[in-house]
């Protein structure tokens, strides 16, 4: 497995992961209303999940206690959140209601499971990780109600021993999954080799690359609610930005981050962690100000064309990848 630089190590989670051999959010579904934005926040003894209205008001804490609760993702009806947590020992997939009630552990893999995403019909959860002592991060699915019926969708056959497949997200129509693939891992440089955005059929068939540029793509991508576009991260620490492309990989264009050829780090920080609004008009993301020496990583929202970038979370803090609630029934 590769080291999860931006989620785990940048949150200072090395102590929580001691003893693990480490290597290395989530689909927005169509809705007439935009619900709450959920995200993790680093605290003194771990991280917990909060939600907030898109206008920056009404922040609520959904999880409590020590340990780490991160990478939330909504079901298509907006009523359930899947997330990752290590409170039972290993990193597993958990679920709860959108108001934080009825928290329960879904998987019992005793390995490393993060970044869950519900299928549009709500029956299946896809995630990245490994079972038991398996050292390779792959993409798996489980039954969304029982946590059983584990299926592995990806393979590293034909690639290097440091290969991984991670950070999966369903297309809104349920026919495809976008994810991050790396051919290998350079353990001397502590960096993935040829890390790109890939897509595959929902059963794991026909996997292929959508990007080919020579920069890291180490954060979760996200489909637009109509399935026509994919927002993703491109760039290294200090010069990463948000990009959008057509679902077939065409028409790539940059929305945030350094202008090509500009010195690193960017003056505004490092942007990643995309989540489309259910009405398709906006994108939530993280702006990592640590890249310019400020201990702050707030949630930002912008229009889908990159305009009107503005901060949503007021208090300074190390926030983690957001997800956006479809429909907005639970407020």
Protein backbone atom coordinates (compact mmCIF):
# COMPACT_ATOMS: atom_id res chain seq x y z
CA UNK A 1 0.00 0.00 0.00
CA UNK A 2 1.16 3.54 -0.57
CA UNK A 3 1.25 6.26 2.03
CA UNK A 4 -1.87 8.40 1.98
CA UNK A 5 0.08 11.65 1.98
CA UNK A 6 -2.74 14.15 1.86
CA UNK A 7 -5.30 12.39 4.07
CA UNK A 8 -3.29 10.66 6.76
CA UNK A 9 0.22 12.02 6.95
CA UNK A 10 -0.76 15.62 6.39
CA UNK A 11 -3.26 15.23 9.22
CA UNK A 12 -0.45 13.97 11.44
CA UNK A 13 -1.85 10.46 11.72
CA UNK A 14 1.47 8.63 11.67
CA UNK A 15 1.12 7.63 15.33
CA UNK A 16 -2.34 6.22 14.72
CA UNK A 17 -0.94 4.06 11.93
CA UNK A 18 2.20 2.86 13.71
CA UNK A 19 2.87 -0.79 13.05
CA UNK A 20 1.10 -0.84 9.70
CA UNK A 21 3.04 -1.14 6.47
CA UNK A 22 1.42 1.75 4.67
CA UNK A 23 1.48 2.80 1.15
CA UNK A 24 -0.71 4.50 -0.29
CA UNK A 25 -14.78 11.53 -1.50
CA UNK A 26 -17.33 10.78 -2.97
CA UNK A 27 -19.98 10.90 -5.71
CA UNK A 28 -22.47 13.75 -5.75
CA UNK A 29 -25.86 12.51 -6.86
CA UNK A 30 -28.48 14.64 -8.63
CA UNK A 31 -30.91 16.57 -6.45
CA UNK A 32 -33.11 19.62 -6.66
CA UNK A 33 -31.70 20.98 -3.41
CA UNK A 34 -28.19 21.12 -2.01
CA UNK A 35 -28.04 19.68 1.50
CA UNK A 36 -25.27 19.90 4.07
CA UNK A 37 -21.53 19.55 3.47
CA UNK A 38 -19.79 16.98 5.69
CA UNK A 39 -16.06 16.77 6.44
CA UNK A 40 -13.55 15.58 9.01
CA UNK A 41 -11.73 17.90 11.43
CA UNK A 42 -8.52 17.05 13.26
CA UNK A 43 -8.75 17.35 17.05
CA UNK A 44 -6.44 16.81 20.02
CA UNK A 45 -7.10 13.06 20.24
CA UNK A 46 -8.11 12.16 16.70
CA UNK A 47 -10.55 13.47 14.12
CA UNK A 48 -14.32 13.76 14.01
CA UNK A 49 -16.93 14.39 11.33
CA UNK A 50 -18.94 17.61 11.18
CA UNK A 51 -21.58 19.00 8.86
CA UNK A 52 -22.33 22.55 7.81
CA UNK A 53 -24.80 24.36 5.56
CA UNK A 54 -23.36 25.57 2.25
CA UNK A 55 -23.64 29.18 3.47
CA UNK A 56 -21.26 28.41 6.36
CA UNK A 57 -23.93 28.40 9.06
CA UNK A 58 -25.34 25.70 11.34
CA UNK A 59 -22.21 23.61 11.90
CA UNK A 60 -22.95 20.33 13.75
CA UNK A 61 -20.70 17.61 15.14
CA UNK A 62 -21.76 14.12 14.00
CA UNK A 63 -19.15 11.85 15.65
CA UNK A 64 -17.51 12.15 19.06
CA UNK A 65 -14.75 10.61 21.12
CA UNK A 66 -11.13 9.61 20.56
CA UNK A 67 -9.91 7.92 17.40
CA UNK A 68 -10.23 9.00 13.80
CA UNK A 69 -13.49 9.42 11.87
CA UNK A 70 -12.87 10.61 8.30
CA UNK A 71 -13.75 10.32 4.57
CA UNK A 72 -17.56 10.65 4.74
CA UNK A 73 -19.79 9.93 1.76
CA UNK A 74 -23.57 10.23 1.34
CA UNK A 75 -26.02 7.70 -0.01
CA UNK A 76 -27.99 8.89 -3.04
CA UNK A 77 -31.07 9.65 -0.93
CA UNK A 78 -29.03 11.84 1.43
CA UNK A 79 -30.10 9.89 4.52
CA UNK A 80 -26.99 7.80 5.27
CA UNK A 81 -23.27 8.53 5.56
CA UNK A 82 -20.56 5.95 5.05
CA UNK A 83 -17.17 6.85 6.51
CA UNK A 84 -13.85 5.38 7.65
CA UNK A 85 -12.70 5.03 11.25
CA UNK A 86 -10.03 3.28 13.31
CA UNK A 87 -11.91 3.31 16.62
CA UNK A 88 -12.18 -0.50 16.62
CA UNK A 89 -8.45 -0.93 15.96
CA UNK A 90 -8.03 -1.34 12.21
CA UNK A 91 -9.32 1.19 9.70
CA UNK A 92 -12.80 -0.04 8.73
CA UNK A 93 -15.88 1.27 6.92
CA UNK A 94 -18.70 2.54 9.17
CA UNK A 95 -22.15 3.97 8.51
CA UNK A 96 -24.44 6.40 10.33
CA UNK A 97 -27.54 8.42 9.69
CA UNK A 98 -27.06 11.88 8.23
CA UNK A 99 -27.68 13.43 11.66
CA UNK A 100 -24.91 11.31 13.25
CA UNK A 101 -27.15 8.74 14.94
CA UNK A 102 -26.99 4.92 14.67
CA UNK A 103 -23.24 4.65 14.09
CA UNK A 104 -22.16 1.09 13.33
CA UNK A 105 -19.14 -0.70 11.98
CA UNK A 106 -19.88 -2.19 8.56
CA UNK A 107 -16.68 -4.04 7.57
CA UNK A 108 -14.51 -6.33 9.69
CA UNK A 109 -11.54 -6.82 7.39
CA UNK A 110 -8.81 -6.25 10.00
CA UNK A 111 -6.80 -4.53 7.31
CA UNK A 112 -7.11 -1.00 5.97
CA UNK A 113 -10.36 0.32 4.44
CA UNK A 114 -10.97 3.99 3.58
CA UNK A 115 -12.94 6.31 1.28
CA UNK A 116 -16.24 4.45 0.90
CA UNK A 117 -18.79 5.46 -1.72
CA UNK A 118 -22.40 4.27 -2.06
CA UNK A 119 -23.67 2.89 -5.35
CA UNK A 120 -26.57 4.98 -6.68
CA UNK A 121 -29.08 2.26 -5.75
CA UNK A 122 -27.72 2.20 -2.18
CA UNK A 123 -27.09 -1.57 -2.21
CA UNK A 124 -23.29 -1.60 -2.48
CA UNK A 125 -20.35 0.34 -1.08
CA UNK A 126 -17.06 0.59 -2.94
CA UNK A 127 -13.84 1.49 -1.13
CA UNK A 128 -10.06 1.27 -1.33
CA UNK A 129 -7.89 -0.81 0.98
CA UNK A 130 -6.85 -4.33 1.85
CA UNK A 131 -8.02 -7.31 3.87
CA UNK A 132 -5.86 -8.60 6.73
CA UNK A 133 -2.13 -8.59 6.02
CA UNK A 134 -2.46 -8.17 2.24
CA UNK A 135 0.05 -5.40 1.43
CA UNK A 136 -1.57 -4.11 -1.79
CA UNK A 137 -4.31 -1.48 -1.90
CA UNK A 138 -7.09 -2.54 -4.24
CA UNK A 139 -10.69 -1.51 -4.87
CA UNK A 140 -13.40 -3.65 -3.29
CA UNK A 141 -17.16 -3.69 -2.88
CA UNK A 142 -19.32 -4.95 -0.02
CA UNK A 143 -23.03 -5.18 0.71
CA UNK A 144 -24.07 -1.77 2.08
CA UNK A 145 -26.30 -3.29 4.77
CA UNK A 146 -24.29 -6.29 5.97
CA UNK A 147 -20.66 -5.48 5.05
CA UNK A 148 -20.41 -8.96 3.55
CA UNK A 149 -19.94 -10.25 -0.01
CA UNK A 150 -16.48 -8.76 -0.42
CA UNK A 151 -15.51 -8.51 -4.09
CA UNK A 152 -12.18 -7.21 -5.40
CA UNK A 153 -12.56 -5.25 -8.63
CA UNK A 154 -8.96 -4.32 -9.48
CA UNK A 155 -5.65 -6.09 -9.98
CA UNK A 156 -1.99 -5.14 -10.13
CA UNK A 157 -1.04 -8.01 -12.44
CA UNK A 158 1.58 -6.79 -14.89
CA UNK A 159 2.56 -3.79 -12.78
CA UNK A 160 5.26 -3.23 -10.16
CA UNK A 161 5.14 -4.51 -6.58
CA UNK A 162 4.24 -1.01 -5.39
CA UNK A 163 1.20 -0.77 -7.69
CA UNK A 164 -2.08 0.31 -6.11
CA UNK A 165 -5.68 1.15 -7.00
CA UNK A 166 -7.52 3.46 -4.60
CA UNK A 167 -10.04 6.28 -4.00
CA UNK A 168 -13.01 4.90 -5.99
CA UNK A 169 -16.22 6.81 -6.79
CA UNK A 170 -19.34 5.54 -8.59
CA UNK A 171 -20.71 7.29 -11.64
CA UNK A 172 -24.22 8.68 -10.94
CA UNK A 173 -25.80 6.06 -13.23
CA UNK A 174 -23.97 3.21 -11.46
CA UNK A 175 -22.30 1.83 -14.59
CA UNK A 176 -18.71 2.97 -13.95
CA UNK A 177 -16.21 3.71 -11.18
CA UNK A 178 -13.51 6.36 -11.37
CA UNK A 179 -10.40 5.79 -9.25
CA UNK A 180 -6.69 6.46 -8.82
CA UNK A 181 -4.15 3.97 -10.18
CA UNK A 182 -0.34 3.91 -9.90
CA UNK A 183 1.90 1.51 -11.84
CA UNK A 184 4.41 1.18 -9.00
CA UNK A 185 5.85 2.99 -5.98
CA UNK A 186 9.32 4.51 -5.73
CA UNK A 187 10.22 3.79 -2.12
CA UNK A 188 13.46 5.78 -2.36
CA UNK A 189 11.67 8.92 -3.49
CA UNK A 190 8.57 8.01 -1.41
CA UNK A 191 6.37 8.71 -4.42
CA UNK A 192 4.01 6.76 -6.67
CA UNK A 193 5.01 5.97 -10.25
CA UNK A 194 2.67 7.15 -13.03
CA UNK A 195 -0.24 7.95 -10.71
CA UNK A 196 -3.27 8.71 -12.90
CA UNK A 197 -7.06 8.99 -12.88
CA UNK A 198 -8.57 5.77 -14.26
CA UNK A 199 -12.09 4.52 -14.92
CA UNK A 200 -13.58 1.03 -15.14
CA UNK A 201 -16.94 -0.65 -15.54
CA UNK A 202 -18.86 -1.24 -12.30
CA UNK A 203 -17.85 -4.93 -12.33
CA UNK A 204 -14.16 -4.06 -12.72
CA UNK A 205 -14.01 -4.60 -16.46
CA UNK A 206 -12.34 -2.37 -19.05
CA UNK A 207 -10.03 -0.39 -16.71
CA UNK A 208 -8.16 2.40 -18.49
CA UNK A 209 -6.49 5.76 -17.85
CA UNK A 210 -8.21 9.11 -18.34
CA UNK A 211 -5.15 11.26 -17.54
CA UNK A 212 -1.54 10.88 -18.65
CA UNK A 213 0.26 14.02 -17.47
CA UNK A 214 3.41 13.67 -15.41
CA UNK A 215 2.11 15.03 -12.06
CA UNK A 216 0.58 13.31 -9.00
CA UNK A 217 -3.18 12.66 -8.94
CA UNK A 218 -3.36 11.44 -5.35
CA UNK A 219 -6.76 12.68 -4.20
CA UNK A 220 -10.32 11.48 -4.63
CA UNK A 221 -12.01 12.50 -7.90
CA UNK A 222 -15.76 13.13 -8.22
CA UNK A 223 -18.38 12.83 -10.96
CA UNK A 224 -20.69 15.70 -11.79
CA UNK A 225 -24.30 14.77 -10.92
CA UNK A 226 -25.24 14.38 -14.59
CA UNK A 227 -22.26 12.06 -15.14
CA UNK A 228 -20.78 14.15 -17.94
CA UNK A 229 -17.70 15.49 -16.10
CA UNK A 230 -15.12 14.45 -13.52
CA UNK A 231 -13.42 16.86 -11.13
CA UNK A 232 -9.98 15.77 -9.93
CA UNK A 233 -6.73 16.91 -8.33
CA UNK A 234 -3.46 17.34 -10.20
CA UNK A 235 -0.10 18.48 -8.85
CA UNK A 236 2.26 17.94 -5.94
CA UNK A 237 2.22 19.36 -2.43
CA UNK A 238 2.34 23.13 -2.76
CA UNK A 239 1.22 23.39 -6.38
CA UNK A 240 -1.86 21.14 -6.61
CA UNK A 241 -5.11 22.38 -8.09
CA UNK A 242 -8.61 21.31 -9.10
CA UNK A 243 -9.20 20.28 -12.71
CA UNK A 244 -12.30 19.14 -14.60
CA UNK A 245 -12.52 16.88 -17.65
CA UNK A 246 -15.23 15.20 -19.68
CA UNK A 247 -16.13 11.71 -18.47
CA UNK A 248 -14.18 10.21 -21.39
CA UNK A 249 -11.02 12.12 -20.44
CA UNK A 250 -11.39 14.92 -22.98
CA UNK A 251 -11.51 18.69 -22.54
CA UNK A 252 -9.26 18.89 -19.47
CA UNK A 253 -9.13 22.35 -17.93
CA UNK A 254 -7.85 23.84 -14.70
CA UNK A 255 -10.13 25.59 -12.20
CA UNK A 256 -7.77 26.35 -9.28
CA UNK A 257 -4.10 26.12 -8.34
CA UNK A 258 -0.85 27.35 -9.80
CA UNK A 259 -0.79 28.72 -13.30
CA UNK A 260 1.30 26.40 -15.47
CA UNK A 261 4.95 27.34 -15.11
CA UNK A 262 4.44 29.47 -12.00
CA UNK A 263 6.74 29.00 -8.99
CA UNK A 264 5.65 26.53 -6.29
CA UNK A 265 4.05 26.83 -3.78
CA UNK A 266 0.97 28.66 -5.04
CA UNK A 267 0.25 31.89 -3.24
CA UNK A 268 -3.21 30.66 -2.18
CA UNK A 269 -2.16 27.15 -1.06
CA UNK A 270 -2.78 23.63 -2.35
CA UNK A 271 -6.31 22.66 -3.51
CA UNK A 272 -7.75 19.12 -3.50
CA UNK A 273 -10.66 16.94 -2.30
CA UNK A 274 -13.49 17.73 -4.72
CA UNK A 275 -17.26 17.27 -4.13
CA UNK A 276 -19.89 18.47 -6.61
CA UNK A 277 -23.11 20.02 -5.34
CA UNK A 278 -26.18 17.91 -6.21
CA UNK A 279 -27.56 20.70 -8.44
CA UNK A 280 -24.28 20.67 -10.46
CA UNK A 281 -23.63 24.39 -10.01
CA UNK A 282 -20.83 24.30 -7.40
CA UNK A 283 -17.81 22.30 -6.21
CA UNK A 284 -16.60 22.03 -2.61
CA UNK A 285 -12.90 21.40 -1.94
CA UNK A 286 -10.05 21.83 0.53
CA UNK A 287 -7.58 24.69 0.39
CA UNK A 288 -4.45 23.52 2.20
CA UNK A 289 -2.71 26.62 3.54
CA UNK A 290 0.01 24.49 5.14
CA UNK A 291 1.75 24.70 1.77
CA UNK A 292 2.38 28.40 2.44
CA UNK A 293 3.20 27.97 6.12
CA UNK A 294 -0.25 28.49 7.69
CA UNK A 295 -1.66 25.73 9.94
CA UNK A 296 -5.11 25.86 8.36
CA UNK A 297 -7.00 23.78 5.80
CA UNK A 298 -10.54 25.14 5.34
CA UNK A 299 -13.47 24.01 3.21
CA UNK A 300 -13.99 26.20 0.14
CA UNK A 301 -16.83 26.33 -2.37
CA UNK A 302 -16.69 27.68 -5.92
CA UNK A 303 -18.93 27.81 -8.95
CA UNK A 304 -18.53 24.86 -11.32
CA UNK A 305 -16.51 27.05 -13.71
CA UNK A 306 -14.01 27.96 -10.97
CA UNK A 307 -15.37 31.41 -10.25
CA UNK A 308 -16.43 32.87 -6.87
CA UNK A 309 -14.07 30.81 -4.71
CA UNK A 310 -14.97 31.46 -1.08
CA UNK A 311 -14.34 29.99 2.34
CA UNK A 312 -17.18 28.11 4.07
CA UNK A 313 -15.68 27.00 7.41
CA UNK A 314 -14.82 30.00 9.57
CA UNK A 315 -12.60 28.63 12.33
CA UNK A 316 -9.02 27.65 11.48
CA UNK A 317 -8.40 23.92 11.48
CA UNK A 318 -7.15 20.91 9.56
CA UNK A 319 -10.26 19.83 7.67
CA UNK A 320 -10.47 16.67 5.56
CA UNK A 321 -12.11 15.78 2.24
CA UNK A 322 -15.77 16.96 2.05
CA UNK A 323 -18.91 15.34 0.65
CA UNK A 324 -22.13 17.08 -0.35
CA UNK A 325 -25.57 15.83 0.70
CA UNK A 326 -28.04 15.19 -2.13
CA UNK A 327 -31.67 16.33 -1.91
CA UNK A 328 -31.19 18.03 1.48
CA UNK A 329 -34.00 16.26 3.31
CA UNK A 330 -32.07 15.91 6.55
CA UNK A 331 -31.02 19.34 7.79
